[in-house]
């Protein structure tokens, strides 16, 4: 967790919340995509949308 600068980690029966700060939004998007369905971005709203848009772009590569 130290490698991504985690400031806050909460664990609630099979669910965890990780909070950290970064100026590298592209890295965060890549990190989330790498973790696949094991994570969900909750906030900020712009990051939620950026992740959704990236997933849509990836999905469109596989459409017939």
PDB file of N, CA and C in Angstrom:
ATOM      1  N   UNK A   1       0.810  -1.193   0.000  1.00  0.00           N
ATOM      2  CA  UNK A   1       0.000   0.000   0.000  1.00  0.00           C
ATOM      3  C   UNK A   1       0.856   1.261   0.000  1.00  0.00           C
ATOM      4  N   UNK A   2       2.023   1.181   0.590  1.00  0.00           N
ATOM      5  CA  UNK A   2       2.889   2.350   0.623  1.00  0.00           C
ATOM      6  C   UNK A   2       3.310   2.803  -0.768  1.00  0.00           C
ATOM      7  N   UNK A   3       3.414   1.851  -1.709  1.00  0.00           N
ATOM      8  CA  UNK A   3       3.884   2.213  -3.043  1.00  0.00           C
ATOM      9  C   UNK A   3       2.907   3.104  -3.793  1.00  0.00           C
ATOM     10  N   UNK A   4       1.632   3.088  -3.424  1.00  0.00           N
ATOM     11  CA  UNK A   4       0.671   3.977  -4.080  1.00  0.00           C
ATOM     12  C   UNK A   4       0.271   5.141  -3.177  1.00  0.00           C
ATOM     13  N   UNK A   5       0.930   5.290  -2.065  1.00  0.00           N
ATOM     14  CA  UNK A   5       0.676   6.422  -1.189  1.00  0.00           C
ATOM     15  C   UNK A   5      -0.668   6.376  -0.485  1.00  0.00           C
ATOM     16  N   UNK A   6      -1.071   5.200  -0.059  1.00  0.00           N
ATOM     17  CA  UNK A   6      -2.366   5.065   0.610  1.00  0.00           C
ATOM     18  C   UNK A   6      -2.366   5.877   1.897  1.00  0.00           C
ATOM     19  N   UNK A   7      -3.375   6.726   2.018  1.00  0.00           N
ATOM     20  CA  UNK A   7      -3.515   7.549   3.214  1.00  0.00           C
ATOM     21  C   UNK A   7      -4.526   6.957   4.181  1.00  0.00           C
ATOM     22  N   UNK A   8      -5.422   6.164   3.635  1.00  0.00           N
ATOM     23  CA  UNK A   8      -6.497   5.656   4.468  1.00  0.00           C
ATOM     24  C   UNK A   8      -6.929   4.299   3.931  1.00  0.00           C
ATOM     25  N   UNK A   9      -7.018   3.313   4.790  1.00  0.00           N
ATOM     26  CA  UNK A   9      -7.469   1.981   4.401  1.00  0.00           C
ATOM     27  C   UNK A   9      -8.511   1.537   5.400  1.00  0.00           C
ATOM     28  N   UNK A  10      -9.683   1.176   4.906  1.00  0.00           N
ATOM     29  CA  UNK A  10     -10.747   0.695   5.779  1.00  0.00           C
ATOM     30  C   UNK A  10     -11.195  -0.666   5.292  1.00  0.00           C
ATOM     31  N   UNK A  11     -11.393  -1.575   6.200  1.00  0.00           N
ATOM     32  CA  UNK A  11     -11.868  -2.912   5.857  1.00  0.00           C
ATOM     33  C   UNK A  11     -13.193  -3.150   6.557  1.00  0.00           C
ATOM     34  N   UNK A  12     -14.206  -3.547   5.778  1.00  0.00           N
ATOM     35  CA  UNK A  12     -15.533  -3.822   6.321  1.00  0.00           C
ATOM     36  C   UNK A  12     -16.031  -5.141   5.754  1.00  0.00           C
ATOM     37  N   UNK A  13     -15.889  -6.219   6.474  1.00  0.00           N
ATOM     38  CA  UNK A  13     -16.366  -7.557   6.095  1.00  0.00           C
ATOM     39  C   UNK A  13     -16.439  -7.773   4.583  1.00  0.00           C
ATOM     40  N   UNK A  14     -15.357  -8.186   4.022  1.00  0.00           N
ATOM     41  CA  UNK A  14     -15.226  -8.482   2.596  1.00  0.00           C
ATOM     42  C   UNK A  14     -15.198  -7.242   1.701  1.00  0.00           C
ATOM     43  N   UNK A  15     -15.226  -6.068   2.246  1.00  0.00           N
ATOM     44  CA  UNK A  15     -15.151  -4.849   1.441  1.00  0.00           C
ATOM     45  C   UNK A  15     -14.103  -3.936   2.048  1.00  0.00           C
ATOM     46  N   UNK A  16     -13.339  -3.313   1.201  1.00  0.00           N
ATOM     47  CA  UNK A  16     -12.295  -2.404   1.662  1.00  0.00           C
ATOM     48  C   UNK A  16     -12.410  -1.098   0.915  1.00  0.00           C
ATOM     49  N   UNK A  17     -11.972  -0.030   1.560  1.00  0.00           N
ATOM     50  CA  UNK A  17     -11.913   1.288   0.939  1.00  0.00           C
ATOM     51  C   UNK A  17     -10.482   1.780   1.037  1.00  0.00           C
ATOM     52  N   UNK A  18      -9.944   2.183  -0.108  1.00  0.00           N
ATOM     53  CA  UNK A  18      -8.596   2.742  -0.146  1.00  0.00           C
ATOM     54  C   UNK A  18      -8.698   4.176  -0.636  1.00  0.00           C
ATOM     55  N   UNK A  19      -8.077   5.083   0.096  1.00  0.00           N
ATOM     56  CA  UNK A  19      -8.063   6.489  -0.280  1.00  0.00           C
ATOM     57  C   UNK A  19      -6.625   6.931  -0.452  1.00  0.00           C
ATOM     58  N   UNK A  20      -6.326   7.571  -1.588  1.00  0.00           N
ATOM     59  CA  UNK A  20      -4.986   8.115  -1.799  1.00  0.00           C
ATOM     60  C   UNK A  20      -5.064   9.301  -2.740  1.00  0.00           C
ATOM     61  N   UNK A  21      -4.008  10.078  -2.783  1.00  0.00           N
ATOM     62  CA  UNK A  21      -3.943  11.258  -3.651  1.00  0.00           C
ATOM     63  C   UNK A  21      -2.853  11.064  -4.692  1.00  0.00           C
ATOM     64  N   UNK A  22      -3.127  11.527  -5.899  1.00  0.00           N
ATOM     65  CA  UNK A  22      -2.137  11.510  -6.963  1.00  0.00           C
ATOM     66  C   UNK A  22      -2.493  12.573  -7.990  1.00  0.00           C
ATOM     67  N   UNK A  23      -1.502  13.025  -8.704  1.00  0.00           N
ATOM     68  CA  UNK A  23      -1.757  13.953  -9.803  1.00  0.00           C
ATOM     69  C   UNK A  23      -1.741  13.210 -11.136  1.00  0.00           C
ATOM     70  N   UNK A  24      -1.450  11.917 -11.111  1.00  0.00           N
ATOM     71  CA  UNK A  24      -1.343  11.110 -12.323  1.00  0.00           C
ATOM     72  C   UNK A  24      -2.629  10.311 -12.526  1.00  0.00           C
ATOM     73  N   UNK A  25      -3.632  10.964 -13.082  1.00  0.00           N
ATOM     74  CA  UNK A  25      -4.946  10.344 -13.263  1.00  0.00           C
ATOM     75  C   UNK A  25      -4.864   9.151 -14.222  1.00  0.00           C
ATOM     76  N   UNK A  26      -4.044   9.264 -15.259  1.00  0.00           N
ATOM     77  CA  UNK A  26      -3.893   8.154 -16.207  1.00  0.00           C
ATOM     78  C   UNK A  26      -3.390   6.905 -15.495  1.00  0.00           C
ATOM     79  N   UNK A  27      -2.476   7.070 -14.549  1.00  0.00           N
ATOM     80  CA  UNK A  27      -1.965   5.927 -13.786  1.00  0.00           C
ATOM     81  C   UNK A  27      -3.081   5.282 -12.968  1.00  0.00           C
ATOM     82  N   UNK A  28      -3.923   6.098 -12.364  1.00  0.00           N
ATOM     83  CA  UNK A  28      -5.020   5.556 -11.552  1.00  0.00           C
ATOM     84  C   UNK A  28      -5.975   4.756 -12.434  1.00  0.00           C
ATOM     85  N   UNK A  29      -6.289   5.286 -13.611  1.00  0.00           N
ATOM     86  CA  UNK A  29      -7.181   4.575 -14.531  1.00  0.00           C
ATOM     87  C   UNK A  29      -6.559   3.234 -14.918  1.00  0.00           C
ATOM     88  N   UNK A  30      -5.282   3.237 -15.268  1.00  0.00           N
ATOM     89  CA  UNK A  30      -4.591   1.991 -15.610  1.00  0.00           C
ATOM     90  C   UNK A  30      -4.600   1.008 -14.438  1.00  0.00           C
ATOM     91  N   UNK A  31      -4.384   1.516 -13.244  1.00  0.00           N
ATOM     92  CA  UNK A  31      -4.376   0.692 -12.032  1.00  0.00           C
ATOM     93  C   UNK A  31      -5.735   0.029 -11.826  1.00  0.00           C
ATOM     94  N   UNK A  32      -6.801   0.799 -11.967  1.00  0.00           N
ATOM     95  CA  UNK A  32      -8.158   0.278 -11.793  1.00  0.00           C
ATOM     96  C   UNK A  32      -8.462  -0.768 -12.860  1.00  0.00           C
ATOM     97  N   UNK A  33      -8.115  -0.477 -14.114  1.00  0.00           N
ATOM     98  CA  UNK A  33      -8.354  -1.426 -15.196  1.00  0.00           C
ATOM     99  C   UNK A  33      -7.576  -2.728 -14.946  1.00  0.00           C
ATOM    100  N   UNK A  34      -6.366  -2.602 -14.469  1.00  0.00           N
ATOM    101  CA  UNK A  34      -5.534  -3.769 -14.176  1.00  0.00           C
ATOM    102  C   UNK A  34      -6.186  -4.670 -13.120  1.00  0.00           C
ATOM    103  N   UNK A  35      -6.870  -4.081 -12.174  1.00  0.00           N
ATOM    104  CA  UNK A  35      -7.507  -4.848 -11.101  1.00  0.00           C
ATOM    105  C   UNK A  35      -8.858  -5.437 -11.512  1.00  0.00           C
ATOM    106  N   UNK A  36      -9.292  -5.108 -12.707  1.00  0.00           N
ATOM    107  CA  UNK A  36     -10.502  -5.667 -13.327  1.00  0.00           C
ATOM    108  C   UNK A  36     -11.727  -5.513 -12.440  1.00  0.00           C
ATOM    109  N   UNK A  37     -12.426  -6.614 -12.188  1.00  0.00           N
ATOM    110  CA  UNK A  37     -13.684  -6.557 -11.436  1.00  0.00           C
ATOM    111  C   UNK A  37     -13.478  -6.652  -9.927  1.00  0.00           C
ATOM    112  N   UNK A  38     -12.251  -6.486  -9.496  1.00  0.00           N
ATOM    113  CA  UNK A  38     -11.962  -6.562  -8.055  1.00  0.00           C
ATOM    114  C   UNK A  38     -12.075  -5.204  -7.366  1.00  0.00           C
ATOM    115  N   UNK A  39     -12.251  -4.151  -8.162  1.00  0.00           N
ATOM    116  CA  UNK A  39     -12.349  -2.808  -7.591  1.00  0.00           C
ATOM    117  C   UNK A  39     -13.476  -2.019  -8.247  1.00  0.00           C
ATOM    118  N   UNK A  40     -13.899  -0.994  -7.556  1.00  0.00           N
ATOM    119  CA  UNK A  40     -14.887  -0.061  -8.091  1.00  0.00           C
ATOM    120  C   UNK A  40     -14.510   1.332  -7.612  1.00  0.00           C
ATOM    121  N   UNK A  41     -14.402   2.253  -8.557  1.00  0.00           N
ATOM    122  CA  UNK A  41     -14.116   3.644  -8.202  1.00  0.00           C
ATOM    123  C   UNK A  41     -15.403   4.270  -7.681  1.00  0.00           C
ATOM    124  N   UNK A  42     -15.320   4.872  -6.505  1.00  0.00           N
ATOM    125  CA  UNK A  42     -16.494   5.501  -5.895  1.00  0.00           C
ATOM    126  C   UNK A  42     -16.510   7.006  -6.099  1.00  0.00           C
ATOM    127  N   UNK A  43     -15.343   7.608  -6.070  1.00  0.00           N
ATOM    128  CA  UNK A  43     -15.213   9.045  -6.259  1.00  0.00           C
ATOM    129  C   UNK A  43     -13.768   9.404  -6.528  1.00  0.00           C
ATOM    130  N   UNK A  44     -13.505  10.521  -7.082  1.00  0.00           N
ATOM    131  CA  UNK A  44     -14.384  11.615  -7.488  1.00  0.00           C
ATOM    132  C   UNK A  44     -15.157  11.261  -8.766  1.00  0.00           C
ATOM    133  N   UNK A  45     -16.254  11.959  -8.993  1.00  0.00           N
ATOM    134  CA  UNK A  45     -17.113  11.656 -10.144  1.00  0.00           C
ATOM    135  C   UNK A  45     -16.372  11.671 -11.491  1.00  0.00           C
ATOM    136  N   UNK A  46     -15.446  12.590 -11.669  1.00  0.00           N
ATOM    137  CA  UNK A  46     -14.738  12.633 -12.958  1.00  0.00           C
ATOM    138  C   UNK A  46     -13.923  11.360 -13.173  1.00  0.00           C
ATOM    139  N   UNK A  47     -13.388  10.779 -12.113  1.00  0.00           N
ATOM    140  CA  UNK A  47     -12.608   9.553 -12.247  1.00  0.00           C
ATOM    141  C   UNK A  47     -13.524   8.368 -12.568  1.00  0.00           C
ATOM    142  N   UNK A  48     -14.684   8.333 -11.954  1.00  0.00           N
ATOM    143  CA  UNK A  48     -15.675   7.296 -12.267  1.00  0.00           C
ATOM    144  C   UNK A  48     -15.981   7.335 -13.763  1.00  0.00           C
ATOM    145  N   UNK A  49     -16.228   8.519 -14.303  1.00  0.00           N
ATOM    146  CA  UNK A  49     -16.538   8.672 -15.731  1.00  0.00           C
ATOM    147  C   UNK A  49     -15.349   8.316 -16.608  1.00  0.00           C
ATOM    148  N   UNK A  50     -14.153   8.721 -16.211  1.00  0.00           N
ATOM    149  CA  UNK A  50     -12.958   8.402 -16.994  1.00  0.00           C
ATOM    150  C   UNK A  50     -12.736   6.890 -17.069  1.00  0.00           C
ATOM    151  N   UNK A  51     -12.956   6.198 -15.965  1.00  0.00           N
ATOM    152  CA  UNK A  51     -12.800   4.742 -15.955  1.00  0.00           C
ATOM    153  C   UNK A  51     -13.873   4.104 -16.842  1.00  0.00           C
ATOM    154  N   UNK A  52     -15.111   4.562 -16.721  1.00  0.00           N
ATOM    155  CA  UNK A  52     -16.185   4.037 -17.570  1.00  0.00           C
ATOM    156  C   UNK A  52     -15.859   4.228 -19.047  1.00  0.00           C
ATOM    157  N   UNK A  53     -15.392   5.413 -19.408  1.00  0.00           N
ATOM    158  CA  UNK A  53     -15.068   5.698 -20.805  1.00  0.00           C
ATOM    159  C   UNK A  53     -13.937   4.816 -21.307  1.00  0.00           C
ATOM    160  N   UNK A  54     -12.950   4.571 -20.474  1.00  0.00           N
ATOM    161  CA  UNK A  54     -11.837   3.705 -20.859  1.00  0.00           C
ATOM    162  C   UNK A  54     -12.326   2.280 -21.077  1.00  0.00           C
ATOM    163  N   UNK A  55     -13.189   1.808 -20.193  1.00  0.00           N
ATOM    164  CA  UNK A  55     -13.743   0.458 -20.339  1.00  0.00           C
ATOM    165  C   UNK A  55     -14.555   0.360 -21.626  1.00  0.00           C
ATOM    166  N   UNK A  56     -15.325   1.388 -21.939  1.00  0.00           N
ATOM    167  CA  UNK A  56     -16.112   1.392 -23.200  1.00  0.00           C
ATOM    168  C   UNK A  56     -15.195   1.335 -24.406  1.00  0.00           C
ATOM    169  N   UNK A  57     -14.088   2.069 -24.372  1.00  0.00           N
ATOM    170  CA  UNK A  57     -13.126   2.047 -25.488  1.00  0.00           C
ATOM    171  C   UNK A  57     -12.536   0.659 -25.667  1.00  0.00           C
ATOM    172  N   UNK A  58     -12.173   0.023 -24.550  1.00  0.00           N
ATOM    173  CA  UNK A  58     -11.622  -1.332 -24.612  1.00  0.00           C
ATOM    174  C   UNK A  58     -12.670  -2.286 -25.167  1.00  0.00           C
ATOM    175  N   UNK A  59     -13.890  -2.182 -24.682  1.00  0.00           N
ATOM    176  CA  UNK A  59     -14.973  -3.055 -25.132  1.00  0.00           C
ATOM    177  C   UNK A  59     -15.227  -2.899 -26.630  1.00  0.00           C
ATOM    178  N   UNK A  60     -15.139  -1.685 -27.116  1.00  0.00           N
ATOM    179  CA  UNK A  60     -15.422  -1.443 -28.531  1.00  0.00           C
ATOM    180  C   UNK A  60     -14.399  -2.128 -29.447  1.00  0.00           C
ATOM    181  N   UNK A  61     -13.217  -2.403 -28.930  1.00  0.00           N
ATOM    182  CA  UNK A  61     -12.201  -3.110 -29.718  1.00  0.00           C
ATOM    183  C   UNK A  61     -12.634  -4.531 -30.040  1.00  0.00           C
ATOM    184  N   UNK A  62     -13.539  -5.099 -29.241  1.00  0.00           N
ATOM    185  CA  UNK A  62     -13.946  -6.478 -29.381  1.00  0.00           C
ATOM    186  C   UNK A  62     -15.336  -6.641 -29.987  1.00  0.00           C
ATOM    187  N   UNK A  63     -15.939  -5.550 -30.388  1.00  0.00           N
ATOM    188  CA  UNK A  63     -17.246  -5.625 -31.022  1.00  0.00           C
ATOM    189  C   UNK A  63     -17.083  -6.053 -32.472  1.00  0.00           C
ATOM    190  N   UNK A  64     -18.021  -6.815 -32.952  1.00  0.00           N
ATOM    191  CA  UNK A  64     -17.943  -7.322 -34.344  1.00  0.00           C
ATOM    192  C   UNK A  64     -18.366  -6.267 -35.326  1.00  0.00           C
TER     193      UNK A  64
END
